Amino acid sequence: MVNSNTSNRLFVGSLPWETTSVDLETLFSRVGTVVDAVVIKDKLSGKSKGFGFVEMNSQAEAEAGAAKFNGYEYKNRALVVNIAAPKAPKSLFQG
């Protein structure tokens, strides 16, 4: 993601398997400016894992996206959309 401000970032779950990053960008552009959109894929198979992330231009746009699209029916699936939690730092050492 381009911007490290996680309050602008949305988790989008329950995606139909055929959904692309472009599809996510197109959908969320209805509520504001999309900075980045990505569907997470399995590293080995290249197939969608059924979720992704959308980074909006502002926190207000992210909140509007969560309000509009959480529970929204997209290609016969009810989307789950929440403000994304920040990534936990990875530890190099485990005790």
N, C-alpha and C. Protein backbone atom coordinates (compact mmCIF):
# COMPACT_ATOMS: atom_id res chain seq x y z
N MET A 1 0.83 -1.17 0.00
CA MET A 1 0.00 0.00 0.00
C MET A 1 0.89 1.25 0.00
N VAL A 2 0.41 2.26 -0.66
CA VAL A 2 1.18 3.47 -0.81
C VAL A 2 1.23 4.27 0.49
N ASN A 3 0.11 4.42 1.16
CA ASN A 3 -0.01 5.24 2.35
C ASN A 3 0.00 4.36 3.59
N SER A 4 0.81 4.72 4.58
CA SER A 4 0.89 3.89 5.78
C SER A 4 -0.22 4.21 6.78
N ASN A 5 -1.07 5.20 6.49
CA ASN A 5 -2.16 5.55 7.38
C ASN A 5 -3.25 4.48 7.28
N THR A 6 -3.27 3.57 8.25
CA THR A 6 -4.16 2.42 8.17
C THR A 6 -5.63 2.77 8.30
N SER A 7 -5.96 3.97 8.79
CA SER A 7 -7.37 4.32 8.92
C SER A 7 -8.01 4.55 7.56
N ASN A 8 -7.21 4.66 6.51
CA ASN A 8 -7.72 4.82 5.15
C ASN A 8 -7.90 3.47 4.46
N ARG A 9 -7.50 2.41 5.13
CA ARG A 9 -7.43 1.09 4.51
C ARG A 9 -8.60 0.22 4.94
N LEU A 10 -9.20 -0.45 3.96
CA LEU A 10 -10.34 -1.32 4.22
C LEU A 10 -9.99 -2.77 3.96
N PHE A 11 -10.47 -3.64 4.82
CA PHE A 11 -10.44 -5.08 4.57
C PHE A 11 -11.74 -5.41 3.86
N VAL A 12 -11.67 -6.17 2.76
CA VAL A 12 -12.87 -6.57 2.03
C VAL A 12 -12.87 -8.10 1.96
N GLY A 13 -13.80 -8.73 2.64
CA GLY A 13 -13.88 -10.17 2.68
C GLY A 13 -15.12 -10.71 2.00
N SER A 14 -15.16 -12.02 1.88
CA SER A 14 -16.26 -12.74 1.24
C SER A 14 -16.39 -12.37 -0.23
N LEU A 15 -15.23 -12.14 -0.86
CA LEU A 15 -15.22 -11.80 -2.29
C LEU A 15 -15.49 -13.03 -3.14
N PRO A 16 -16.25 -12.87 -4.20
CA PRO A 16 -16.38 -13.97 -5.16
C PRO A 16 -14.99 -14.30 -5.72
N TRP A 17 -14.73 -15.56 -5.99
CA TRP A 17 -13.39 -16.01 -6.41
C TRP A 17 -12.89 -15.30 -7.65
N GLU A 18 -13.78 -14.91 -8.55
CA GLU A 18 -13.36 -14.31 -9.82
C GLU A 18 -13.08 -12.81 -9.72
N THR A 19 -13.28 -12.21 -8.55
CA THR A 19 -13.07 -10.77 -8.38
C THR A 19 -11.60 -10.41 -8.57
N THR A 20 -11.35 -9.33 -9.32
CA THR A 20 -9.99 -8.85 -9.56
C THR A 20 -9.75 -7.55 -8.80
N SER A 21 -8.49 -7.13 -8.75
CA SER A 21 -8.14 -5.86 -8.13
C SER A 21 -8.83 -4.70 -8.84
N VAL A 22 -8.95 -4.79 -10.16
CA VAL A 22 -9.63 -3.75 -10.94
C VAL A 22 -11.11 -3.69 -10.56
N ASP A 23 -11.73 -4.85 -10.34
CA ASP A 23 -13.13 -4.89 -9.90
C ASP A 23 -13.29 -4.15 -8.57
N LEU A 24 -12.37 -4.41 -7.63
CA LEU A 24 -12.43 -3.74 -6.32
C LEU A 24 -12.29 -2.24 -6.48
N GLU A 25 -11.32 -1.82 -7.30
CA GLU A 25 -11.10 -0.39 -7.52
C GLU A 25 -12.35 0.26 -8.12
N THR A 26 -12.94 -0.39 -9.10
CA THR A 26 -14.14 0.14 -9.74
C THR A 26 -15.30 0.27 -8.74
N LEU A 27 -15.50 -0.76 -7.93
CA LEU A 27 -16.58 -0.75 -6.95
C LEU A 27 -16.41 0.38 -5.94
N PHE A 28 -15.23 0.47 -5.34
CA PHE A 28 -15.01 1.44 -4.27
C PHE A 28 -14.83 2.86 -4.77
N SER A 29 -14.59 3.04 -6.06
CA SER A 29 -14.49 4.40 -6.61
C SER A 29 -15.84 5.11 -6.56
N ARG A 30 -16.90 4.37 -6.28
CA ARG A 30 -18.24 4.98 -6.12
C ARG A 30 -18.32 5.86 -4.88
N VAL A 31 -17.43 5.64 -3.91
CA VAL A 31 -17.49 6.41 -2.66
C VAL A 31 -16.30 7.35 -2.48
N GLY A 32 -15.37 7.37 -3.43
CA GLY A 32 -14.23 8.26 -3.31
C GLY A 32 -13.07 7.83 -4.18
N THR A 33 -11.92 8.41 -3.90
CA THR A 33 -10.71 8.12 -4.67
C THR A 33 -10.00 6.91 -4.10
N VAL A 34 -9.81 5.90 -4.94
CA VAL A 34 -9.10 4.69 -4.54
C VAL A 34 -7.62 4.89 -4.81
N VAL A 35 -6.81 4.79 -3.76
CA VAL A 35 -5.36 4.91 -3.89
C VAL A 35 -4.76 3.59 -4.36
N ASP A 36 -5.27 2.48 -3.81
CA ASP A 36 -4.76 1.15 -4.15
C ASP A 36 -5.85 0.13 -3.84
N ALA A 37 -5.89 -0.92 -4.63
CA ALA A 37 -6.83 -2.02 -4.40
C ALA A 37 -6.13 -3.31 -4.80
N VAL A 38 -6.23 -4.31 -3.94
CA VAL A 38 -5.57 -5.58 -4.24
C VAL A 38 -6.41 -6.75 -3.71
N VAL A 39 -6.55 -7.77 -4.54
CA VAL A 39 -7.16 -9.03 -4.13
C VAL A 39 -6.00 -9.94 -3.74
N ILE A 40 -6.05 -10.52 -2.56
CA ILE A 40 -4.97 -11.39 -2.09
C ILE A 40 -5.10 -12.76 -2.75
N LYS A 41 -3.97 -13.23 -3.29
CA LYS A 41 -3.96 -14.51 -4.00
C LYS A 41 -3.00 -15.49 -3.35
N ASP A 42 -3.30 -16.77 -3.50
CA ASP A 42 -2.43 -17.83 -3.02
C ASP A 42 -1.13 -17.79 -3.82
N LYS A 43 -0.01 -17.86 -3.12
CA LYS A 43 1.29 -17.76 -3.79
C LYS A 43 1.55 -18.91 -4.75
N LEU A 44 1.09 -20.09 -4.42
CA LEU A 44 1.36 -21.26 -5.26
C LEU A 44 0.39 -21.38 -6.43
N SER A 45 -0.90 -21.27 -6.14
CA SER A 45 -1.90 -21.49 -7.20
C SER A 45 -2.24 -20.23 -7.98
N GLY A 46 -2.00 -19.06 -7.37
CA GLY A 46 -2.38 -17.80 -8.03
C GLY A 46 -3.86 -17.51 -7.94
N LYS A 47 -4.61 -18.35 -7.22
CA LYS A 47 -6.06 -18.16 -7.10
C LYS A 47 -6.37 -17.22 -5.93
N SER A 48 -7.48 -16.52 -6.06
CA SER A 48 -7.93 -15.60 -5.02
C SER A 48 -8.16 -16.34 -3.71
N LYS A 49 -7.81 -15.67 -2.61
CA LYS A 49 -8.11 -16.22 -1.29
C LYS A 49 -9.47 -15.73 -0.79
N GLY A 50 -10.17 -14.93 -1.60
CA GLY A 50 -11.51 -14.49 -1.24
C GLY A 50 -11.55 -13.22 -0.41
N PHE A 51 -10.41 -12.53 -0.31
CA PHE A 51 -10.40 -11.25 0.40
C PHE A 51 -9.37 -10.32 -0.22
N GLY A 52 -9.46 -9.06 0.15
CA GLY A 52 -8.52 -8.07 -0.38
C GLY A 52 -8.52 -6.83 0.49
N PHE A 53 -7.79 -5.83 0.02
CA PHE A 53 -7.67 -4.56 0.73
C PHE A 53 -7.85 -3.43 -0.26
N VAL A 54 -8.51 -2.37 0.22
CA VAL A 54 -8.68 -1.16 -0.58
C VAL A 54 -8.20 0.00 0.26
N GLU A 55 -7.31 0.82 -0.30
CA GLU A 55 -6.88 2.03 0.38
C GLU A 55 -7.55 3.21 -0.28
N MET A 56 -8.28 3.97 0.53
CA MET A 56 -8.97 5.15 0.04
C MET A 56 -8.10 6.39 0.28
N ASN A 57 -8.47 7.50 -0.33
CA ASN A 57 -7.70 8.74 -0.24
C ASN A 57 -7.78 9.37 1.15
N SER A 58 -8.86 9.13 1.88
CA SER A 58 -9.02 9.73 3.21
C SER A 58 -9.75 8.78 4.15
N GLN A 59 -9.66 9.09 5.42
CA GLN A 59 -10.37 8.29 6.42
C GLN A 59 -11.88 8.39 6.19
N ALA A 60 -12.37 9.58 5.84
CA ALA A 60 -13.81 9.77 5.60
C ALA A 60 -14.28 8.89 4.44
N GLU A 61 -13.48 8.79 3.38
CA GLU A 61 -13.85 7.95 2.25
C GLU A 61 -13.83 6.47 2.64
N ALA A 62 -12.86 6.09 3.47
CA ALA A 62 -12.79 4.70 3.93
C ALA A 62 -14.03 4.37 4.77
N GLU A 63 -14.41 5.28 5.65
CA GLU A 63 -15.60 5.07 6.47
C GLU A 63 -16.85 4.99 5.61
N ALA A 64 -16.92 5.82 4.56
CA ALA A 64 -18.06 5.77 3.63
C ALA A 64 -18.09 4.44 2.89
N GLY A 65 -16.92 3.93 2.51
CA GLY A 65 -16.84 2.64 1.83
C GLY A 65 -17.29 1.50 2.73
N ALA A 66 -16.87 1.54 3.99
CA ALA A 66 -17.28 0.50 4.94
C ALA A 66 -18.78 0.56 5.17
N ALA A 67 -19.32 1.77 5.30
CA ALA A 67 -20.75 1.93 5.55
C ALA A 67 -21.58 1.47 4.35
N LYS A 68 -21.13 1.81 3.15
CA LYS A 68 -21.90 1.47 1.95
C LYS A 68 -21.79 -0.01 1.58
N PHE A 69 -20.59 -0.58 1.68
CA PHE A 69 -20.36 -1.91 1.12
C PHE A 69 -20.34 -3.06 2.11
N ASN A 70 -20.33 -2.81 3.42
CA ASN A 70 -20.42 -3.93 4.36
C ASN A 70 -21.83 -4.51 4.27
N GLY A 71 -21.94 -5.77 3.89
CA GLY A 71 -23.23 -6.42 3.69
C GLY A 71 -23.78 -6.25 2.28
N TYR A 72 -23.08 -5.48 1.45
CA TYR A 72 -23.51 -5.21 0.07
C TYR A 72 -23.43 -6.50 -0.75
N GLU A 73 -24.47 -6.79 -1.51
CA GLU A 73 -24.46 -8.00 -2.34
C GLU A 73 -23.72 -7.72 -3.64
N TYR A 74 -22.63 -8.44 -3.85
CA TYR A 74 -21.78 -8.28 -5.02
C TYR A 74 -21.59 -9.65 -5.66
N LYS A 75 -22.08 -9.81 -6.87
CA LYS A 75 -21.99 -11.10 -7.58
C LYS A 75 -22.51 -12.25 -6.70
N ASN A 76 -23.67 -12.02 -6.10
CA ASN A 76 -24.36 -13.00 -5.26
C ASN A 76 -23.65 -13.35 -3.96
N ARG A 77 -22.75 -12.48 -3.49
CA ARG A 77 -22.07 -12.68 -2.20
C ARG A 77 -22.25 -11.41 -1.37
N ALA A 78 -22.53 -11.54 -0.10
CA ALA A 78 -22.62 -10.39 0.81
C ALA A 78 -21.20 -10.06 1.28
N LEU A 79 -20.70 -8.90 0.88
CA LEU A 79 -19.34 -8.51 1.24
C LEU A 79 -19.23 -8.19 2.73
N VAL A 80 -18.04 -8.43 3.27
CA VAL A 80 -17.70 -8.04 4.63
C VAL A 80 -16.63 -6.96 4.49
N VAL A 81 -16.96 -5.74 4.92
CA VAL A 81 -16.03 -4.62 4.76
C VAL A 81 -15.84 -3.94 6.10
N ASN A 82 -14.58 -3.81 6.52
CA ASN A 82 -14.23 -3.17 7.79
C ASN A 82 -12.98 -2.32 7.59
N ILE A 83 -12.82 -1.32 8.46
CA ILE A 83 -11.55 -0.60 8.49
C ILE A 83 -10.48 -1.62 8.87
N ALA A 84 -9.41 -1.69 8.09
CA ALA A 84 -8.38 -2.71 8.30
C ALA A 84 -7.56 -2.42 9.56
N ALA A 85 -7.28 -3.46 10.30
CA ALA A 85 -6.41 -3.35 11.47
C ALA A 85 -4.97 -3.21 10.99
N PRO A 86 -4.15 -2.45 11.71
CA PRO A 86 -2.75 -2.33 11.30
C PRO A 86 -2.05 -3.67 11.38
N LYS A 87 -1.08 -3.86 10.50
CA LYS A 87 -0.29 -5.09 10.52
C LYS A 87 0.57 -5.12 11.77
N ALA A 88 0.61 -6.26 12.41
CA ALA A 88 1.48 -6.43 13.56
C ALA A 88 2.91 -6.62 13.05
N PRO A 89 3.88 -5.98 13.70
CA PRO A 89 5.26 -6.17 13.24
C PRO A 89 5.69 -7.62 13.42
N LYS A 90 6.42 -8.12 12.44
CA LYS A 90 6.90 -9.50 12.51
C LYS A 90 8.19 -9.55 13.33
N SER A 91 8.25 -10.51 14.20
CA SER A 91 9.44 -10.69 15.02
C SER A 91 10.40 -11.63 14.31
N LEU A 92 11.67 -11.28 14.34
CA LEU A 92 12.68 -12.14 13.75
C LEU A 92 12.99 -13.33 14.66
N PHE A 93 12.76 -13.12 15.93
CA PHE A 93 13.08 -14.16 16.91
C PHE A 93 11.83 -14.55 17.67
N GLN A 94 11.65 -15.82 17.85
CA GLN A 94 10.53 -16.29 18.65
C GLN A 94 11.07 -17.02 19.86
N GLY A 95 10.54 -16.70 21.03
CA GLY A 95 11.07 -17.24 22.27
C GLY A 95 10.34 -18.34 22.82
